[in-house]
Protein backbone atom coordinates (compact mmCIF):
# COMPACT_ATOMS: atom_id res chain seq x y z
CA MET A 1 -40.33 21.95 125.97
CA ILE A 2 -37.62 21.08 123.44
CA ALA A 3 -33.94 21.19 124.27
CA SER A 4 -31.64 22.63 121.63
CA SER A 5 -28.48 21.25 123.18
CA ILE A 6 -26.97 19.10 125.88
CA GLU A 7 -26.44 22.29 127.90
CA ASP A 8 -30.22 22.69 128.30
CA VAL A 9 -30.53 19.22 129.76
CA ALA A 10 -27.58 19.87 132.08
CA ALA A 11 -29.09 23.11 133.33
CA ALA A 12 -32.48 21.49 133.99
CA ALA A 13 -30.84 18.61 135.88
CA ASN A 14 -28.38 20.91 137.66
CA VAL A 15 -25.38 18.84 136.55
CA SER A 16 -22.47 19.29 134.14
CA THR A 17 -22.75 18.54 130.44
CA ALA A 18 -20.15 15.82 130.96
CA THR A 19 -22.42 14.13 133.51
CA VAL A 20 -25.34 14.29 131.06
CA SER A 21 -23.13 12.76 128.38
CA ARG A 22 -22.05 9.93 130.70
CA ALA A 23 -25.59 9.26 131.88
CA ILE A 24 -26.97 9.01 128.35
CA ARG A 25 -24.13 6.70 127.31
CA GLY A 26 -24.52 4.48 130.37
CA LEU A 27 -20.92 5.06 131.43
CA PRO A 28 -19.55 4.57 134.96
CA ARG A 29 -19.25 7.21 137.70
CA VAL A 30 -22.89 8.33 137.53
CA SER A 31 -25.16 7.16 140.35
CA PRO A 32 -28.32 5.23 139.37
CA GLN A 33 -30.51 7.96 140.84
CA THR A 34 -28.74 10.74 138.93
CA ARG A 35 -28.79 8.71 135.71
CA ALA A 36 -32.52 8.03 136.01
CA ARG A 37 -33.24 11.73 136.68
CA ILE A 38 -31.14 12.88 133.71
CA LEU A 39 -32.72 10.35 131.33
CA ALA A 40 -36.19 11.38 132.43
CA ILE A 41 -35.39 15.07 131.88
CA ALA A 42 -33.75 14.36 128.51
CA THR A 43 -36.81 12.41 127.38
CA GLU A 44 -39.20 15.11 128.59
CA MET A 45 -37.24 17.84 126.83
CA GLY A 46 -36.94 15.85 123.61
CA TYR A 47 -33.14 15.87 123.69
CA VAL A 48 -32.89 12.35 122.27
CA ALA A 49 -34.41 12.07 118.82
CA SER A 50 -37.02 9.41 118.23
CA SER A 51 -34.69 7.47 115.95
CA ALA A 52 -32.26 7.13 118.86
CA ALA A 53 -34.85 6.80 121.65
CA SER A 54 -33.96 3.16 122.14
CA GLY A 55 -30.50 4.36 123.07
CA LEU A 56 -31.89 5.68 126.33
CA ALA A 57 -32.85 2.18 127.34
CA THR A 58 -29.27 0.92 127.13
CA GLY A 59 -27.49 4.26 127.42
CA ARG A 60 -25.14 3.19 124.63
CA THR A 61 -24.70 3.94 120.98
CA ARG A 62 -22.51 0.84 120.46
CA THR A 63 -20.12 3.04 118.51
CA ILE A 64 -16.39 3.55 119.12
CA GLY A 65 -14.66 6.56 117.59
CA VAL A 66 -11.19 6.51 116.05
CA LEU A 67 -9.49 9.90 115.80
CA ALA A 68 -6.76 9.76 113.13
CA PRO A 69 -4.39 12.32 111.63
CA TYR A 70 -4.47 10.48 108.30
CA VAL A 71 -6.10 7.34 106.94
CA SER A 72 -3.89 6.91 103.86
CA ARG A 73 -0.67 6.04 105.69
CA TRP A 74 0.20 2.43 106.44
CA PHE A 75 0.38 2.50 110.24
CA PHE A 76 -2.91 4.34 110.68
CA SER A 77 -4.86 2.21 108.21
CA ARG A 78 -3.58 -1.00 109.80
CA ALA A 79 -4.33 0.16 113.36
CA ILE A 80 -7.87 1.11 112.29
CA GLU A 81 -8.21 -2.38 110.81
CA GLY A 82 -7.29 -3.89 114.18
CA VAL A 83 -9.86 -1.77 116.00
CA ASP A 84 -12.55 -2.66 113.48
CA LEU A 85 -11.88 -6.41 113.73
CA VAL A 86 -12.74 -6.34 117.44
CA LEU A 87 -15.74 -4.06 117.01
CA GLN A 88 -17.26 -6.26 114.32
CA GLN A 89 -16.85 -9.33 116.51
CA ASN A 90 -18.73 -7.53 119.31
CA GLN A 91 -21.47 -5.92 117.18
CA TYR A 92 -20.07 -2.42 117.65
CA ASN A 93 -19.77 0.26 115.00
CA LEU A 94 -16.65 2.27 114.17
CA MET A 95 -16.86 6.01 113.62
CA LEU A 96 -13.77 7.34 111.82
CA ILE A 97 -12.86 10.96 112.57
CA ASN A 98 -10.16 11.89 110.06
CA LEU A 99 -8.35 15.09 111.03
CA GLY A 100 -6.67 15.07 107.64
CA GLY A 101 -9.99 16.09 106.17
CA TYR A 102 -10.70 18.94 108.57
CA GLY A 103 -7.96 21.39 107.65
CA GLY A 104 -8.51 24.47 109.78
CA GLY A 105 -11.74 23.14 111.30
CA ARG A 106 -10.13 21.28 114.20
CA GLU A 107 -11.46 23.71 116.79
CA ARG A 108 -15.05 23.14 115.78
CA LEU A 109 -14.47 19.39 115.66
CA PHE A 110 -13.30 19.27 119.27
CA GLU A 111 -15.67 21.88 120.70
CA HIS A 112 -18.88 20.78 119.03
CA THR A 113 -18.73 17.70 116.86
CA MET A 114 -17.06 15.30 119.30
CA LEU A 115 -19.72 15.59 122.01
CA ARG A 116 -22.55 15.29 119.53
CA LYS A 117 -21.18 12.21 117.79
CA GLN A 118 -22.54 10.10 120.65
CA ILE A 119 -19.61 7.71 120.77
CA ASP A 120 -19.12 5.40 123.73
CA ALA A 121 -15.30 5.47 123.71
CA LEU A 122 -12.43 6.85 121.63
CA VAL A 123 -9.15 5.59 120.17
CA VAL A 124 -6.65 8.34 119.35
CA LEU A 125 -3.97 7.45 116.80
CA CYS A 126 -0.65 9.12 117.78
CA LEU A 127 -1.60 12.76 117.65
CA ALA A 128 -0.08 15.93 119.03
CA LEU A 129 -3.11 17.60 120.59
CA LEU A 130 -3.41 21.20 121.72
CA PRO A 131 -4.23 21.76 125.42
CA SER A 132 -7.73 22.93 124.46
CA GLU A 133 -8.29 19.78 122.40
CA LEU A 134 -7.16 17.55 125.26
CA GLU A 135 -9.51 19.40 127.59
CA HIS A 136 -12.48 18.87 125.28
CA LEU A 137 -11.72 15.17 124.97
CA HIS A 138 -11.46 14.67 128.70
CA LEU A 139 -14.67 16.65 129.27
CA THR A 140 -16.56 13.95 127.41
CA GLU A 141 -15.55 11.57 130.23
CA ILE A 142 -15.69 8.58 127.91
CA PRO A 143 -12.99 5.88 127.96
CA LEU A 144 -9.98 7.03 125.94
CA ILE A 145 -6.81 5.34 124.75
CA ALA A 146 -3.96 6.25 122.41
CA VAL A 147 -2.42 3.87 119.86
CA GLY A 148 0.93 4.19 118.12
CA GLY A 149 2.45 6.94 120.23
CA PRO A 150 2.09 8.80 123.52
CA VAL A 151 -0.70 11.36 124.00
CA LYS A 152 -0.56 13.42 127.18
CA GLY A 153 -3.04 12.26 129.78
CA PHE A 154 -3.99 9.06 127.93
CA HIS A 155 -3.18 5.43 128.51
CA GLN A 156 -1.47 4.09 125.41
CA VAL A 157 -0.67 0.99 123.39
CA CYS A 158 2.57 1.55 121.49
CA ILE A 159 6.13 0.41 121.10
CA ASP A 160 8.96 2.14 122.93
CA ASP A 161 9.96 4.36 120.03
CA TYR A 162 13.24 5.38 121.64
CA GLN A 163 14.35 1.76 122.12
CA ALA A 164 13.17 0.75 118.65
CA ALA A 165 15.24 3.49 116.99
CA LYS A 166 18.18 2.66 119.25
CA LEU A 167 17.98 -0.99 118.18
CA ALA A 168 18.00 -0.02 114.50
CA THR A 169 20.94 2.36 114.93
CA GLN A 170 22.91 -0.17 116.97
CA HIS A 171 22.45 -2.75 114.22
CA LEU A 172 24.19 -0.45 111.74
CA ILE A 173 26.98 0.34 114.21
CA GLU A 174 27.52 -3.34 115.02
CA LEU A 175 27.93 -4.03 111.28
CA GLY A 176 30.85 -1.57 111.34
CA HIS A 177 29.25 1.56 109.88
CA GLN A 178 30.62 4.88 111.09
CA ARG A 179 29.16 7.27 108.53
CA ILE A 180 25.44 6.98 109.27
CA ALA A 181 22.73 9.39 108.11
CA GLN A 182 19.15 9.65 109.26
CA VAL A 183 15.89 10.24 107.41
CA LEU A 184 13.57 11.42 110.14
CA GLY A 185 9.82 11.75 110.07
CA GLU A 186 9.00 15.33 110.86
CA ASP A 187 5.40 16.27 110.15
CA LYS A 188 4.77 19.76 108.83
CA ASN A 189 1.25 19.70 110.28
CA GLU A 190 2.56 18.68 113.72
CA LEU A 191 0.00 15.89 113.87
CA ASN A 192 2.40 13.11 114.73
CA PHE A 193 4.74 14.84 117.06
CA GLU A 194 6.17 12.70 119.86
CA VAL A 195 7.14 9.64 117.78
CA PRO A 196 9.62 11.39 115.44
CA LYS A 197 11.15 13.26 118.38
CA LEU A 198 11.76 10.04 120.29
CA ARG A 199 13.27 8.26 117.28
CA ASP A 200 15.47 11.25 116.42
CA LYS A 201 16.73 11.52 120.00
CA ALA A 202 17.54 7.81 120.11
CA PHE A 203 19.50 7.99 116.86
CA GLU A 204 21.62 10.94 117.96
CA GLU A 205 22.31 9.61 121.45
CA THR A 206 23.16 6.11 120.22
CA LEU A 207 25.73 7.52 117.79
CA VAL A 208 27.31 9.76 120.41
CA ASN A 209 27.32 7.05 123.09
CA SER A 210 29.11 4.76 120.63
CA GLY A 211 31.82 7.34 120.03
CA LEU A 212 30.63 8.21 116.54
CA ARG A 213 30.13 11.65 115.06
CA PHE A 214 26.62 12.99 114.68
CA ARG A 215 26.36 15.13 111.55
CA PRO A 216 23.37 17.50 111.45
CA GLU A 217 23.79 17.88 107.68
CA TRP A 218 23.08 14.15 107.35
CA GLU A 219 19.73 14.46 109.12
CA VAL A 220 16.96 15.12 106.59
CA ASP A 221 13.18 15.10 106.70
CA GLY A 222 11.22 12.40 104.88
CA GLU A 223 7.66 13.19 106.09
CA PHE A 224 6.91 9.50 106.81
CA THR A 225 6.13 8.81 103.12
CA VAL A 226 7.78 6.96 100.23
CA ALA A 227 7.92 10.18 98.21
CA GLY A 228 9.47 11.93 101.18
CA GLY A 229 12.10 9.18 101.39
CA VAL A 230 12.96 9.65 97.72
CA SER A 231 13.31 13.41 98.22
CA ALA A 232 15.43 12.96 101.34
CA ALA A 233 17.72 10.51 99.53
CA ARG A 234 18.24 13.01 96.71
CA ARG A 235 19.32 15.67 99.18
CA LEU A 236 21.77 13.30 100.83
CA PHE A 237 23.17 11.89 97.58
CA ASP A 238 23.52 15.34 95.98
CA ALA A 239 25.34 16.88 98.94
CA PRO A 240 29.06 17.59 98.42
CA GLY A 241 31.73 15.68 100.28
CA GLU A 242 31.84 12.13 101.53
CA GLN A 243 28.70 10.02 101.50
CA PRO A 244 27.15 7.96 104.31
CA THR A 245 27.58 4.22 104.15
CA ALA A 246 24.30 3.61 105.99
CA ILE A 247 20.97 5.36 106.50
CA PHE A 248 18.56 4.89 109.38
CA CYS A 249 15.00 5.76 108.35
CA ALA A 250 12.36 6.42 110.99
CA SER A 251 9.79 4.44 108.99
CA ASP A 252 9.78 1.73 106.34
CA GLU A 253 7.92 3.91 103.88
CA MET A 254 10.79 6.41 103.89
CA ALA A 255 13.33 3.59 103.74
CA LEU A 256 11.63 2.16 100.66
CA GLY A 257 11.86 5.60 99.04
CA VAL A 258 15.58 5.78 99.84
CA MET A 259 16.14 2.36 98.28
CA MET A 260 14.25 3.36 95.13
CA GLU A 261 16.38 6.47 94.67
CA ALA A 262 19.57 4.53 95.37
CA GLN A 263 18.64 1.98 92.71
CA ARG A 264 17.87 4.76 90.21
CA ARG A 265 21.38 6.16 90.72
CA GLY A 266 23.17 2.82 90.60
CA ILE A 267 23.98 2.86 94.32
CA ARG A 268 24.01 -0.77 95.39
CA VAL A 269 22.11 -1.81 98.53
CA PRO A 270 23.69 -3.14 100.70
CA GLN A 271 27.15 -3.19 99.05
CA ASP A 272 27.44 0.60 98.78
CA LEU A 273 24.72 1.63 101.21
CA SER A 274 22.89 -0.10 104.06
CA VAL A 275 19.31 0.96 104.76
CA ILE A 276 17.13 0.15 107.77
CA GLY A 277 13.62 1.23 108.74
CA ILE A 278 10.99 0.81 111.43
CA ASP A 279 7.53 -0.82 111.05
CA ASN A 280 7.69 -3.96 108.87
CA HIS A 281 5.48 -2.49 106.17
CA GLU A 282 3.79 -5.11 104.00
CA PHE A 283 6.17 -4.26 101.12
CA SER A 284 9.32 -4.50 103.24
CA ALA A 285 9.80 -8.26 102.95
CA ALA A 286 9.47 -8.16 99.16
CA ALA A 287 11.98 -5.30 98.99
CA GLY A 288 14.40 -7.10 101.31
CA LEU A 289 14.34 -4.22 103.80
CA THR A 290 15.87 -4.76 107.23
CA THR A 291 13.53 -3.25 109.79
CA VAL A 292 12.42 -3.06 113.40
CA ALA A 293 9.01 -4.70 113.19
CA GLN A 294 5.86 -3.75 115.04
CA ASP A 295 2.23 -4.84 114.60
CA PRO A 296 -0.27 -1.95 114.36
CA VAL A 297 -3.19 -4.34 113.77
CA GLU A 298 -2.50 -6.01 117.11
CA GLN A 299 -2.10 -2.63 118.81
CA GLY A 300 -5.48 -1.49 117.50
CA ARG A 301 -7.08 -4.79 118.44
CA LEU A 302 -5.78 -4.66 122.01
CA ALA A 303 -6.88 -1.04 122.47
CA ALA A 304 -10.41 -1.84 121.27
CA GLU A 305 -10.65 -4.86 123.58
CA MET A 306 -9.65 -2.75 126.59
CA LEU A 307 -12.24 -0.09 125.76
CA LEU A 308 -15.00 -2.68 125.41
CA ASN A 309 -13.98 -4.30 128.69
CA GLU A 310 -14.20 -0.95 130.45
CA LEU A 311 -17.59 -0.26 128.90
CA ALA A 312 -18.67 -3.67 130.23
CA GLY A 313 -17.79 -2.51 133.73
CA LYS A 314 -14.36 -4.12 134.21
CA ALA A 315 -12.37 -1.92 136.59
CA ASP A 316 -9.10 -0.46 135.26
CA ALA A 317 -9.48 -2.30 131.95
CA VAL A 318 -7.84 0.56 130.06
CA ARG A 319 -4.16 0.69 130.87
CA SER A 320 -0.85 1.46 129.16
CA VAL A 321 0.74 -1.46 127.33
CA ALA A 322 4.21 -1.63 125.80
CA ALA A 323 3.77 -3.30 122.41
CA PRO A 324 6.52 -5.70 121.28
CA PHE A 325 9.04 -4.96 118.54
CA GLN A 326 11.96 -6.88 117.07
CA LEU A 327 14.80 -6.52 114.63
CA VAL A 328 14.12 -8.33 111.34
CA LYS A 329 17.33 -8.73 109.34
CA ARG A 330 16.99 -8.85 105.57
CA GLY A 331 19.18 -8.01 102.61
CA SER A 332 19.35 -4.21 102.84
CA THR A 333 22.03 -4.10 105.55
CA ALA A 334 25.59 -5.45 105.55
CA ALA A 335 29.06 -4.51 106.69
CA PRO A 336 30.60 -1.58 104.76
CA LEU A 337 33.02 -2.51 102.01
CA ALA A 338 35.66 -0.13 103.27
């Protein structure tokens, strides 16, 4: 008798597919008796291929998945690096699941591919997930953690994005700037959805609470990229009327784009325009960009360590952690000339 899917094994064992998945992976919350019965049924039905038969002995694939909206952007690539450093040290493999390459195939990814990837745990890099996608992830009953931004129902390792944006905005206000614009990081694919909202809210509320005017026309989208920052700067600089003396950018990549466009137009930074970002991108020091620094490598490393500790049986190893951030003052911000 050959099983065509995990559902066949679940039916034969009279348990849920999630329980079968946990038993085969050797995860907690499955009794020894139930695990032994499921493994015996799976072996009898041929559910586990011969090339992976040794996996039944340990119940583990020694593979951690990383679900990412993109792999080309700085934060995501650095967080993945942090995860991989820990996995290599512990003889685990990394399986990268790049949503940027799936286009309209997300539904199939979550409904079918995720369960059959045979991963022991999953890191989710700051995604906005649909309710159905969250349900499919939780049905796997593997350890889960988010990195870089909140994901509903997950423990997370990330900075307080509201406080980080507030710190950046306050720095400009304390320098004496009153005409402050924002390049925010909206994502047209809605894949990175809570972080830009939190940073946008902090910017607006910090201005208002300081008695300054918030101008919606000075809030432009930069898509979290250098090219997006250049485009946003053009829209701000080409707008009629008075110009801002400072720009808060919700990421360093956008801030670097703003600085490039300012230089192209002969706008001096910081004499004519102060610019601040968030991240501490590897190019920020060379460009002299003032920023609110965070460490995505460390965030990825910590998340991976917690997942491995939970897989090793440590109770409550996966928990939410507030990652540190700090203001790094460089040459791109100064008091306004007038």
